[in-house]
């Protein structure tokens, strides 16, 4: 399984490359799929490559959810409603292309 990690761009490291941070961890990320980036922007990364740009609120929400999953896996206590607040009291939604009547 591959989990996306939200990371903040610290500096542009060259064409298609950026030095990004997730807390104390800094990683050089391939940014070719998302285009030009600037320090302060947030990226969703998978296996060393950015897949999308994201706003700070979404990035921090994702980071909190990942921290909660890590705590659960380590046997810790987690406030599920706080960690997954955007999913509480919400029905799952199919992507537009999978909804009935949508063209394939």
PDB file of N, CA and C in Angstrom:
ATOM      1  N   UNK A   1       0.844  -1.159   0.000  1.00  0.00           N
ATOM      2  CA  UNK A   1       0.000   0.000   0.000  1.00  0.00           C
ATOM      3  C   UNK A   1       0.895   1.228   0.000  1.00  0.00           C
ATOM      4  N   UNK A   2       0.451   2.250  -0.711  1.00  0.00           N
ATOM      5  CA  UNK A   2       1.179   3.504  -0.794  1.00  0.00           C
ATOM      6  C   UNK A   2       0.295   4.616  -0.233  1.00  0.00           C
ATOM      7  N   UNK A   3       0.820   5.346   0.739  1.00  0.00           N
ATOM      8  CA  UNK A   3       0.089   6.467   1.311  1.00  0.00           C
ATOM      9  C   UNK A   3       0.702   7.770   0.832  1.00  0.00           C
ATOM     10  N   UNK A   4      -0.158   8.729   0.506  1.00  0.00           N
ATOM     11  CA  UNK A   4       0.314  10.047   0.140  1.00  0.00           C
ATOM     12  C   UNK A   4       0.722  10.814   1.388  1.00  0.00           C
ATOM     13  N   UNK A   5       1.804  11.549   1.282  1.00  0.00           N
ATOM     14  CA  UNK A   5       2.316  12.339   2.394  1.00  0.00           C
ATOM     15  C   UNK A   5       2.271  13.814   1.993  1.00  0.00           C
ATOM     16  N   UNK A   6       1.536  14.638   2.741  1.00  0.00           N
ATOM     17  CA  UNK A   6       1.548  16.069   2.430  1.00  0.00           C
ATOM     18  C   UNK A   6       2.875  16.684   2.876  1.00  0.00           C
ATOM     19  N   UNK A   7       3.489  17.444   1.984  1.00  0.00           N
ATOM     20  CA  UNK A   7       4.771  18.071   2.288  1.00  0.00           C
ATOM     21  C   UNK A   7       4.757  19.516   1.834  1.00  0.00           C
ATOM     22  N   UNK A   8       5.472  20.353   2.583  1.00  0.00           N
ATOM     23  CA  UNK A   8       5.552  21.783   2.276  1.00  0.00           C
ATOM     24  C   UNK A   8       6.853  22.071   1.542  1.00  0.00           C
ATOM     25  N   UNK A   9       6.757  22.806   0.438  1.00  0.00           N
ATOM     26  CA  UNK A   9       7.941  23.175  -0.333  1.00  0.00           C
ATOM     27  C   UNK A   9       8.767  24.173   0.483  1.00  0.00           C
ATOM     28  N   UNK A  10      10.045  23.838   0.678  1.00  0.00           N
ATOM     29  CA  UNK A  10      10.973  24.702   1.403  1.00  0.00           C
ATOM     30  C   UNK A  10      11.767  25.550   0.407  1.00  0.00           C
ATOM     31  N   UNK A  11      12.238  24.887  -0.656  1.00  0.00           N
ATOM     32  CA  UNK A  11      12.960  25.618  -1.698  1.00  0.00           C
ATOM     33  C   UNK A  11      12.920  24.834  -2.995  1.00  0.00           C
ATOM     34  N   UNK A  12      13.023  25.553  -4.094  1.00  0.00           N
ATOM     35  CA  UNK A  12      13.100  24.924  -5.404  1.00  0.00           C
ATOM     36  C   UNK A  12      14.535  24.446  -5.568  1.00  0.00           C
ATOM     37  N   UNK A  13      14.690  23.165  -5.925  1.00  0.00           N
ATOM     38  CA  UNK A  13      16.026  22.567  -6.000  1.00  0.00           C
ATOM     39  C   UNK A  13      16.532  22.440  -7.432  1.00  0.00           C
ATOM     40  N   UNK A  14      15.795  22.976  -8.372  1.00  0.00           N
ATOM     41  CA  UNK A  14      16.167  22.892  -9.781  1.00  0.00           C
ATOM     42  C   UNK A  14      14.926  22.583 -10.586  1.00  0.00           C
ATOM     43  N   UNK A  15      15.061  22.505 -11.904  1.00  0.00           N
ATOM     44  CA  UNK A  15      13.890  22.200 -12.742  1.00  0.00           C
ATOM     45  C   UNK A  15      13.277  20.844 -12.356  1.00  0.00           C
ATOM     46  N   UNK A  16      12.000  20.865 -12.006  1.00  0.00           N
ATOM     47  CA  UNK A  16      11.306  19.623 -11.676  1.00  0.00           C
ATOM     48  C   UNK A  16      11.669  19.025 -10.330  1.00  0.00           C
ATOM     49  N   UNK A  17      12.310  19.790  -9.465  1.00  0.00           N
ATOM     50  CA  UNK A  17      12.739  19.286  -8.157  1.00  0.00           C
ATOM     51  C   UNK A  17      12.475  20.332  -7.091  1.00  0.00           C
ATOM     52  N   UNK A  18      12.093  19.883  -5.898  1.00  0.00           N
ATOM     53  CA  UNK A  18      11.907  20.801  -4.770  1.00  0.00           C
ATOM     54  C   UNK A  18      12.310  20.100  -3.489  1.00  0.00           C
ATOM     55  N   UNK A  19      12.899  20.865  -2.595  1.00  0.00           N
ATOM     56  CA  UNK A  19      13.196  20.368  -1.252  1.00  0.00           C
ATOM     57  C   UNK A  19      11.948  20.631  -0.425  1.00  0.00           C
ATOM     58  N   UNK A  20      11.378  19.558   0.137  1.00  0.00           N
ATOM     59  CA  UNK A  20      10.109  19.656   0.859  1.00  0.00           C
ATOM     60  C   UNK A  20      10.263  19.112   2.272  1.00  0.00           C
ATOM     61  N   UNK A  21       9.409  19.603   3.163  1.00  0.00           N
ATOM     62  CA  UNK A  21       9.473  19.194   4.567  1.00  0.00           C
ATOM     63  C   UNK A  21       8.152  18.610   5.022  1.00  0.00           C
ATOM     64  N   UNK A  22       8.270  17.568   5.835  1.00  0.00           N
ATOM     65  CA  UNK A  22       7.155  17.000   6.582  1.00  0.00           C
ATOM     66  C   UNK A  22       7.645  16.961   8.023  1.00  0.00           C
ATOM     67  N   UNK A  23       7.349  18.035   8.768  1.00  0.00           N
ATOM     68  CA  UNK A  23       7.899  18.137  10.113  1.00  0.00           C
ATOM     69  C   UNK A  23       9.397  18.297  10.036  1.00  0.00           C
ATOM     70  N   UNK A  24      10.129  17.427  10.733  1.00  0.00           N
ATOM     71  CA  UNK A  24      11.599  17.485  10.751  1.00  0.00           C
ATOM     72  C   UNK A  24      12.235  16.731   9.591  1.00  0.00           C
ATOM     73  N   UNK A  25      11.428  16.047   8.796  1.00  0.00           N
ATOM     74  CA  UNK A  25      11.950  15.253   7.680  1.00  0.00           C
ATOM     75  C   UNK A  25      11.934  16.097   6.406  1.00  0.00           C
ATOM     76  N   UNK A  26      13.098  16.234   5.782  1.00  0.00           N
ATOM     77  CA  UNK A  26      13.225  16.974   4.528  1.00  0.00           C
ATOM     78  C   UNK A  26      13.587  15.992   3.424  1.00  0.00           C
ATOM     79  N   UNK A  27      12.918  16.136   2.279  1.00  0.00           N
ATOM     80  CA  UNK A  27      13.111  15.212   1.162  1.00  0.00           C
ATOM     81  C   UNK A  27      13.113  16.004  -0.144  1.00  0.00           C
ATOM     82  N   UNK A  28      13.970  15.605  -1.076  1.00  0.00           N
ATOM     83  CA  UNK A  28      13.904  16.190  -2.410  1.00  0.00           C
ATOM     84  C   UNK A  28      12.818  15.456  -3.185  1.00  0.00           C
ATOM     85  N   UNK A  29      11.864  16.220  -3.725  1.00  0.00           N
ATOM     86  CA  UNK A  29      10.689  15.662  -4.387  1.00  0.00           C
ATOM     87  C   UNK A  29      10.704  16.021  -5.869  1.00  0.00           C
ATOM     88  N   UNK A  30      10.323  15.064  -6.704  1.00  0.00           N
ATOM     89  CA  UNK A  30      10.141  15.274  -8.134  1.00  0.00           C
ATOM     90  C   UNK A  30       8.818  16.016  -8.327  1.00  0.00           C
ATOM     91  N   UNK A  31       8.854  17.172  -8.979  1.00  0.00           N
ATOM     92  CA  UNK A  31       7.646  17.979  -9.165  1.00  0.00           C
ATOM     93  C   UNK A  31       7.202  18.066 -10.623  1.00  0.00           C
ATOM     94  N   UNK A  32       7.710  17.215 -11.480  1.00  0.00           N
ATOM     95  CA  UNK A  32       7.392  17.295 -12.904  1.00  0.00           C
ATOM     96  C   UNK A  32       5.888  17.152 -13.180  1.00  0.00           C
ATOM     97  N   UNK A  33       5.181  16.354 -12.394  1.00  0.00           N
ATOM     98  CA  UNK A  33       3.754  16.144 -12.650  1.00  0.00           C
ATOM     99  C   UNK A  33       2.874  17.309 -12.223  1.00  0.00           C
ATOM    100  N   UNK A  34       3.375  18.198 -11.374  1.00  0.00           N
ATOM    101  CA  UNK A  34       2.556  19.322 -10.892  1.00  0.00           C
ATOM    102  C   UNK A  34       3.004  20.675 -11.437  1.00  0.00           C
ATOM    103  N   UNK A  35       4.078  20.719 -12.183  1.00  0.00           N
ATOM    104  CA  UNK A  35       4.552  21.980 -12.747  1.00  0.00           C
ATOM    105  C   UNK A  35       5.383  22.769 -11.754  1.00  0.00           C
ATOM    106  N   UNK A  36       5.525  24.054 -12.032  1.00  0.00           N
ATOM    107  CA  UNK A  36       6.343  24.916 -11.182  1.00  0.00           C
ATOM    108  C   UNK A  36       5.762  25.011  -9.779  1.00  0.00           C
ATOM    109  N   UNK A  37       6.646  25.022  -8.791  1.00  0.00           N
ATOM    110  CA  UNK A  37       6.239  25.179  -7.393  1.00  0.00           C
ATOM    111  C   UNK A  37       7.036  26.318  -6.781  1.00  0.00           C
ATOM    112  N   UNK A  38       6.540  26.801  -5.646  1.00  0.00           N
ATOM    113  CA  UNK A  38       7.208  27.890  -4.942  1.00  0.00           C
ATOM    114  C   UNK A  38       7.284  27.561  -3.460  1.00  0.00           C
ATOM    115  N   UNK A  39       8.289  28.083  -2.769  1.00  0.00           N
ATOM    116  CA  UNK A  39       8.370  27.863  -1.324  1.00  0.00           C
ATOM    117  C   UNK A  39       7.058  28.272  -0.643  1.00  0.00           C
ATOM    118  N   UNK A  40       6.637  27.423   0.300  1.00  0.00           N
ATOM    119  CA  UNK A  40       5.393  27.666   1.021  1.00  0.00           C
ATOM    120  C   UNK A  40       4.211  26.893   0.474  1.00  0.00           C
ATOM    121  N   UNK A  41       4.293  26.406  -0.767  1.00  0.00           N
ATOM    122  CA  UNK A  41       3.200  25.608  -1.329  1.00  0.00           C
ATOM    123  C   UNK A  41       3.199  24.213  -0.711  1.00  0.00           C
ATOM    124  N   UNK A  42       2.027  23.591  -0.690  1.00  0.00           N
ATOM    125  CA  UNK A  42       1.872  22.226  -0.174  1.00  0.00           C
ATOM    126  C   UNK A  42       1.654  21.266  -1.328  1.00  0.00           C
ATOM    127  N   UNK A  43       2.266  20.085  -1.229  1.00  0.00           N
ATOM    128  CA  UNK A  43       2.150  19.047  -2.248  1.00  0.00           C
ATOM    129  C   UNK A  43       1.747  17.730  -1.609  1.00  0.00           C
ATOM    130  N   UNK A  44       0.920  16.959  -2.306  1.00  0.00           N
ATOM    131  CA  UNK A  44       0.662  15.580  -1.895  1.00  0.00           C
ATOM    132  C   UNK A  44       1.679  14.734  -2.644  1.00  0.00           C
ATOM    133  N   UNK A  45       2.510  14.009  -1.885  1.00  0.00           N
ATOM    134  CA  UNK A  45       3.604  13.258  -2.483  1.00  0.00           C
ATOM    135  C   UNK A  45       3.412  11.757  -2.291  1.00  0.00           C
ATOM    136  N   UNK A  46       3.890  10.996  -3.265  1.00  0.00           N
ATOM    137  CA  UNK A  46       3.865   9.538  -3.221  1.00  0.00           C
ATOM    138  C   UNK A  46       5.215   9.049  -3.728  1.00  0.00           C
ATOM    139  N   UNK A  47       5.914   8.300  -2.902  1.00  0.00           N
ATOM    140  CA  UNK A  47       7.170   7.676  -3.313  1.00  0.00           C
ATOM    141  C   UNK A  47       8.137   8.661  -3.967  1.00  0.00           C
ATOM    142  N   UNK A  48       8.295   9.854  -3.356  1.00  0.00           N
ATOM    143  CA  UNK A  48       9.270  10.816  -3.821  1.00  0.00           C
ATOM    144  C   UNK A  48       8.834  11.703  -4.968  1.00  0.00           C
ATOM    145  N   UNK A  49       7.563  11.649  -5.335  1.00  0.00           N
ATOM    146  CA  UNK A  49       7.071  12.485  -6.430  1.00  0.00           C
ATOM    147  C   UNK A  49       5.771  13.176  -6.018  1.00  0.00           C
ATOM    148  N   UNK A  50       5.637  14.438  -6.399  1.00  0.00           N
ATOM    149  CA  UNK A  50       4.409  15.182  -6.123  1.00  0.00           C
ATOM    150  C   UNK A  50       3.345  14.768  -7.129  1.00  0.00           C
ATOM    151  N   UNK A  51       2.132  14.573  -6.651  1.00  0.00           N
ATOM    152  CA  UNK A  51       1.016  14.196  -7.529  1.00  0.00           C
ATOM    153  C   UNK A  51       0.001  15.313  -7.678  1.00  0.00           C
ATOM    154  N   UNK A  52      -0.056  16.218  -6.677  1.00  0.00           N
ATOM    155  CA  UNK A  52      -0.970  17.356  -6.782  1.00  0.00           C
ATOM    156  C   UNK A  52      -0.553  18.445  -5.808  1.00  0.00           C
ATOM    157  N   UNK A  53      -0.922  19.676  -6.153  1.00  0.00           N
ATOM    158  CA  UNK A  53      -0.766  20.798  -5.238  1.00  0.00           C
ATOM    159  C   UNK A  53      -2.013  20.811  -4.370  1.00  0.00           C
ATOM    160  N   UNK A  54      -1.871  21.258  -3.137  1.00  0.00           N
ATOM    161  CA  UNK A  54      -3.019  21.303  -2.239  1.00  0.00           C
ATOM    162  C   UNK A  54      -2.951  22.543  -1.363  1.00  0.00           C
ATOM    163  N   UNK A  55      -4.111  22.934  -0.839  1.00  0.00           N
ATOM    164  CA  UNK A  55      -4.124  24.085   0.051  1.00  0.00           C
ATOM    165  C   UNK A  55      -3.656  23.644   1.439  1.00  0.00           C
ATOM    166  N   UNK A  56      -3.272  24.614   2.256  1.00  0.00           N
ATOM    167  CA  UNK A  56      -2.706  24.315   3.573  1.00  0.00           C
ATOM    168  C   UNK A  56      -3.704  23.592   4.480  1.00  0.00           C
ATOM    169  N   UNK A  57      -4.967  23.993   4.441  1.00  0.00           N
ATOM    170  CA  UNK A  57      -5.974  23.360   5.297  1.00  0.00           C
ATOM    171  C   UNK A  57      -6.090  21.866   4.975  1.00  0.00           C
ATOM    172  N   UNK A  58      -6.166  21.532   3.693  1.00  0.00           N
ATOM    173  CA  UNK A  58      -6.250  20.121   3.294  1.00  0.00           C
ATOM    174  C   UNK A  58      -4.977  19.365   3.657  1.00  0.00           C
ATOM    175  N   UNK A  59      -3.834  20.008   3.482  1.00  0.00           N
ATOM    176  CA  UNK A  59      -2.559  19.361   3.807  1.00  0.00           C
ATOM    177  C   UNK A  59      -2.479  19.038   5.293  1.00  0.00           C
ATOM    178  N   UNK A  60      -2.842  20.007   6.131  1.00  0.00           N
ATOM    179  CA  UNK A  60      -2.772  19.779   7.577  1.00  0.00           C
ATOM    180  C   UNK A  60      -3.804  18.748   8.025  1.00  0.00           C
ATOM    181  N   UNK A  61      -4.968  18.747   7.396  1.00  0.00           N
ATOM    182  CA  UNK A  61      -5.992  17.743   7.709  1.00  0.00           C
ATOM    183  C   UNK A  61      -5.465  16.338   7.368  1.00  0.00           C
ATOM    184  N   UNK A  62      -4.834  16.215   6.215  1.00  0.00           N
ATOM    185  CA  UNK A  62      -4.262  14.920   5.823  1.00  0.00           C
ATOM    186  C   UNK A  62      -3.148  14.498   6.760  1.00  0.00           C
ATOM    187  N   UNK A  63      -2.314  15.444   7.143  1.00  0.00           N
ATOM    188  CA  UNK A  63      -1.212  15.139   8.058  1.00  0.00           C
ATOM    189  C   UNK A  63      -1.744  14.685   9.416  1.00  0.00           C
ATOM    190  N   UNK A  64      -2.806  15.349   9.910  1.00  0.00           N
ATOM    191  CA  UNK A  64      -3.413  14.942  11.184  1.00  0.00           C
ATOM    192  C   UNK A  64      -3.979  13.530  11.095  1.00  0.00           C
ATOM    193  N   UNK A  65      -4.610  13.203   9.983  1.00  0.00           N
ATOM    194  CA  UNK A  65      -5.173  11.861   9.798  1.00  0.00           C
ATOM    195  C   UNK A  65      -4.062  10.809   9.774  1.00  0.00           C
ATOM    196  N   UNK A  66      -2.961  11.111   9.095  1.00  0.00           N
ATOM    197  CA  UNK A  66      -1.836  10.171   9.064  1.00  0.00           C
ATOM    198  C   UNK A  66      -1.220   9.995  10.449  1.00  0.00           C
ATOM    199  N   UNK A  67      -1.132  11.071  11.201  1.00  0.00           N
ATOM    200  CA  UNK A  67      -0.612  10.981  12.576  1.00  0.00           C
ATOM    201  C   UNK A  67      -1.520  10.117  13.437  1.00  0.00           C
ATOM    202  N   UNK A  68      -2.826  10.243  13.250  1.00  0.00           N
ATOM    203  CA  UNK A  68      -3.781   9.421  13.998  1.00  0.00           C
ATOM    204  C   UNK A  68      -3.623   7.949  13.633  1.00  0.00           C
ATOM    205  N   UNK A  69      -3.476   7.661  12.350  1.00  0.00           N
ATOM    206  CA  UNK A  69      -3.273   6.265  11.929  1.00  0.00           C
ATOM    207  C   UNK A  69      -2.003   5.683  12.530  1.00  0.00           C
ATOM    208  N   UNK A  70      -0.941   6.476  12.550  1.00  0.00           N
ATOM    209  CA  UNK A  70       0.319   6.013  13.136  1.00  0.00           C
ATOM    210  C   UNK A  70       0.140   5.727  14.629  1.00  0.00           C
ATOM    211  N   UNK A  71      -0.566   6.605  15.328  1.00  0.00           N
ATOM    212  CA  UNK A  71      -0.802   6.403  16.760  1.00  0.00           C
ATOM    213  C   UNK A  71      -1.609   5.139  17.005  1.00  0.00           C
ATOM    214  N   UNK A  72      -2.640   4.913  16.198  1.00  0.00           N
ATOM    215  CA  UNK A  72      -3.461   3.705  16.333  1.00  0.00           C
ATOM    216  C   UNK A  72      -2.608   2.462  16.104  1.00  0.00           C
ATOM    217  N   UNK A  73      -1.765   2.492  15.063  1.00  0.00           N
ATOM    218  CA  UNK A  73      -0.919   1.336  14.763  1.00  0.00           C
ATOM    219  C   UNK A  73       0.072   1.054  15.888  1.00  0.00           C
ATOM    220  N   UNK A  74       0.434   2.091  16.649  1.00  0.00           N
ATOM    221  CA  UNK A  74       1.367   1.927  17.769  1.00  0.00           C
ATOM    222  C   UNK A  74       0.652   1.710  19.092  1.00  0.00           C
ATOM    223  N   UNK A  75      -0.665   1.489  19.036  1.00  0.00           N
ATOM    224  CA  UNK A  75      -1.429   1.203  20.240  1.00  0.00           C
ATOM    225  C   UNK A  75      -1.821   2.408  21.053  1.00  0.00           C
ATOM    226  N   UNK A  76      -1.697   3.588  20.476  1.00  0.00           N
ATOM    227  CA  UNK A  76      -2.022   4.809  21.210  1.00  0.00           C
ATOM    228  C   UNK A  76      -3.502   5.149  21.167  1.00  0.00           C
ATOM    229  N   UNK A  77      -3.868   6.100  21.987  1.00  0.00           N
ATOM    230  CA  UNK A  77      -5.238   6.610  22.027  1.00  0.00           C
ATOM    231  C   UNK A  77      -5.369   7.746  21.016  1.00  0.00           C
ATOM    232  N   UNK A  78      -6.495   7.776  20.307  1.00  0.00           N
ATOM    233  CA  UNK A  78      -6.706   8.797  19.285  1.00  0.00           C
ATOM    234  C   UNK A  78      -8.137   9.308  19.364  1.00  0.00           C
ATOM    235  N   UNK A  79      -8.286  10.615  19.249  1.00  0.00           N
ATOM    236  CA  UNK A  79      -9.609  11.223  19.137  1.00  0.00           C
ATOM    237  C   UNK A  79     -10.004  11.134  17.663  1.00  0.00           C
ATOM    238  N   UNK A  80     -10.704  10.069  17.302  1.00  0.00           N
ATOM    239  CA  UNK A  80     -11.073   9.801  15.906  1.00  0.00           C
ATOM    240  C   UNK A  80     -11.873  10.958  15.314  1.00  0.00           C
ATOM    241  N   UNK A  81     -12.815  11.497  16.084  1.00  0.00           N
ATOM    242  CA  UNK A  81     -13.650  12.576  15.547  1.00  0.00           C
ATOM    243  C   UNK A  81     -12.822  13.819  15.231  1.00  0.00           C
ATOM    244  N   UNK A  82     -11.794  14.089  15.988  1.00  0.00           N
ATOM    245  CA  UNK A  82     -10.935  15.234  15.704  1.00  0.00           C
ATOM    246  C   UNK A  82     -10.017  14.945  14.515  1.00  0.00           C
ATOM    247  N   UNK A  83      -9.477  13.749  14.465  1.00  0.00           N
ATOM    248  CA  UNK A  83      -8.525  13.396  13.404  1.00  0.00           C
ATOM    249  C   UNK A  83      -9.189  13.266  12.041  1.00  0.00           C
ATOM    250  N   UNK A  84     -10.454  12.877  12.030  1.00  0.00           N
ATOM    251  CA  UNK A  84     -11.172  12.669  10.772  1.00  0.00           C
ATOM    252  C   UNK A  84     -12.453  13.499  10.740  1.00  0.00           C
ATOM    253  N   UNK A  85     -12.362  14.739  11.212  1.00  0.00           N
ATOM    254  CA  UNK A  85     -13.537  15.610  11.336  1.00  0.00           C
ATOM    255  C   UNK A  85     -14.262  15.807  10.012  1.00  0.00           C
ATOM    256  N   UNK A  86     -13.516  15.823   8.905  1.00  0.00           N
ATOM    257  CA  UNK A  86     -14.148  16.034   7.603  1.00  0.00           C
ATOM    258  C   UNK A  86     -14.950  14.830   7.136  1.00  0.00           C
ATOM    259  N   UNK A  87     -14.800  13.686   7.795  1.00  0.00           N
ATOM    260  CA  UNK A  87     -15.529  12.478   7.391  1.00  0.00           C
ATOM    261  C   UNK A  87     -16.683  12.127   8.325  1.00  0.00           C
ATOM    262  N   UNK A  88     -16.729  12.755   9.489  1.00  0.00           N
ATOM    263  CA  UNK A  88     -17.779  12.465  10.457  1.00  0.00           C
ATOM    264  C   UNK A  88     -19.106  12.995   9.925  1.00  0.00           C
ATOM    265  N   UNK A  89     -20.165  12.201  10.066  1.00  0.00           N
ATOM    266  CA  UNK A  89     -21.515  12.583   9.628  1.00  0.00           C
ATOM    267  C   UNK A  89     -21.584  12.918   8.142  1.00  0.00           C
ATOM    268  N   UNK A  90     -20.821  12.202   7.331  1.00  0.00           N
ATOM    269  CA  UNK A  90     -20.842  12.429   5.882  1.00  0.00           C
ATOM    270  C   UNK A  90     -20.968  11.083   5.181  1.00  0.00           C
ATOM    271  N   UNK A  91     -21.848  11.023   4.226  1.00  0.00           N
ATOM    272  CA  UNK A  91     -22.002   9.809   3.435  1.00  0.00           C
ATOM    273  C   UNK A  91     -20.889   9.737   2.390  1.00  0.00           C
ATOM    274  N   UNK A  92     -20.397   8.530   2.097  1.00  0.00           N
ATOM    275  CA  UNK A  92     -19.392   8.401   1.026  1.00  0.00           C
ATOM    276  C   UNK A  92     -19.977   8.902  -0.298  1.00  0.00           C
ATOM    277  N   UNK A  93     -19.127   9.481  -1.130  1.00  0.00           N
ATOM    278  CA  UNK A  93     -19.567  10.005  -2.419  1.00  0.00           C
ATOM    279  C   UNK A  93     -18.736   9.387  -3.530  1.00  0.00           C
ATOM    280  N   UNK A  94     -19.425   8.938  -4.558  1.00  0.00           N
ATOM    281  CA  UNK A  94     -18.726   8.409  -5.723  1.00  0.00           C
ATOM    282  C   UNK A  94     -18.149   9.556  -6.537  1.00  0.00           C
ATOM    283  N   UNK A  95     -17.010   9.340  -7.178  1.00  0.00           N
ATOM    284  CA  UNK A  95     -16.499  10.352  -8.103  1.00  0.00           C
ATOM    285  C   UNK A  95     -17.510  10.558  -9.231  1.00  0.00           C
ATOM    286  N   UNK A  96     -17.501  11.732  -9.798  1.00  0.00           N
ATOM    287  CA  UNK A  96     -18.451  12.099 -10.860  1.00  0.00           C
ATOM    288  C   UNK A  96     -18.539  11.048 -11.966  1.00  0.00           C
ATOM    289  N   UNK A  97     -17.388  10.530 -12.410  1.00  0.00           N
ATOM    290  CA  UNK A  97     -17.378   9.598 -13.544  1.00  0.00           C
ATOM    291  C   UNK A  97     -17.984   8.232 -13.209  1.00  0.00           C
ATOM    292  N   UNK A  98     -18.209   7.934 -11.932  1.00  0.00           N
ATOM    293  CA  UNK A  98     -18.812   6.658 -11.548  1.00  0.00           C
ATOM    294  C   UNK A  98     -20.287   6.772 -11.181  1.00  0.00           C
ATOM    295  N   UNK A  99     -20.795   7.990 -11.150  1.00  0.00           N
ATOM    296  CA  UNK A  99     -22.204   8.184 -10.826  1.00  0.00           C
ATOM    297  C   UNK A  99     -23.071   7.735 -11.979  1.00  0.00           C
ATOM    298  N   UNK A 100     -24.278   7.238 -11.672  1.00  0.00           N
ATOM    299  CA  UNK A 100     -25.206   6.745 -12.675  1.00  0.00           C
ATOM    300  C   UNK A 100     -25.513   7.849 -13.681  1.00  0.00           C
ATOM    301  N   UNK A 101     -25.498   7.480 -14.939  1.00  0.00           N
ATOM    302  CA  UNK A 101     -25.828   8.427 -15.987  1.00  0.00           C
ATOM    303  C   UNK A 101     -24.650   9.230 -16.500  1.00  0.00           C
ATOM    304  N   UNK A 102     -23.513   9.128 -15.825  1.00  0.00           N
ATOM    305  CA  UNK A 102     -22.340   9.873 -16.298  1.00  0.00           C
ATOM    306  C   UNK A 102     -21.725   9.173 -17.489  1.00  0.00           C
ATOM    307  N   UNK A 103     -21.323   9.937 -18.502  1.00  0.00           N
ATOM    308  CA  UNK A 103     -20.678   9.297 -19.674  1.00  0.00           C
ATOM    309  C   UNK A 103     -19.359   8.675 -19.293  1.00  0.00           C
ATOM    310  N   UNK A 104     -19.011   7.576 -19.930  1.00  0.00           N
ATOM    311  CA  UNK A 104     -17.734   6.893 -19.650  1.00  0.00           C
ATOM    312  C   UNK A 104     -16.627   7.473 -20.457  1.00  0.00           C
TER     313      UNK A 104
END
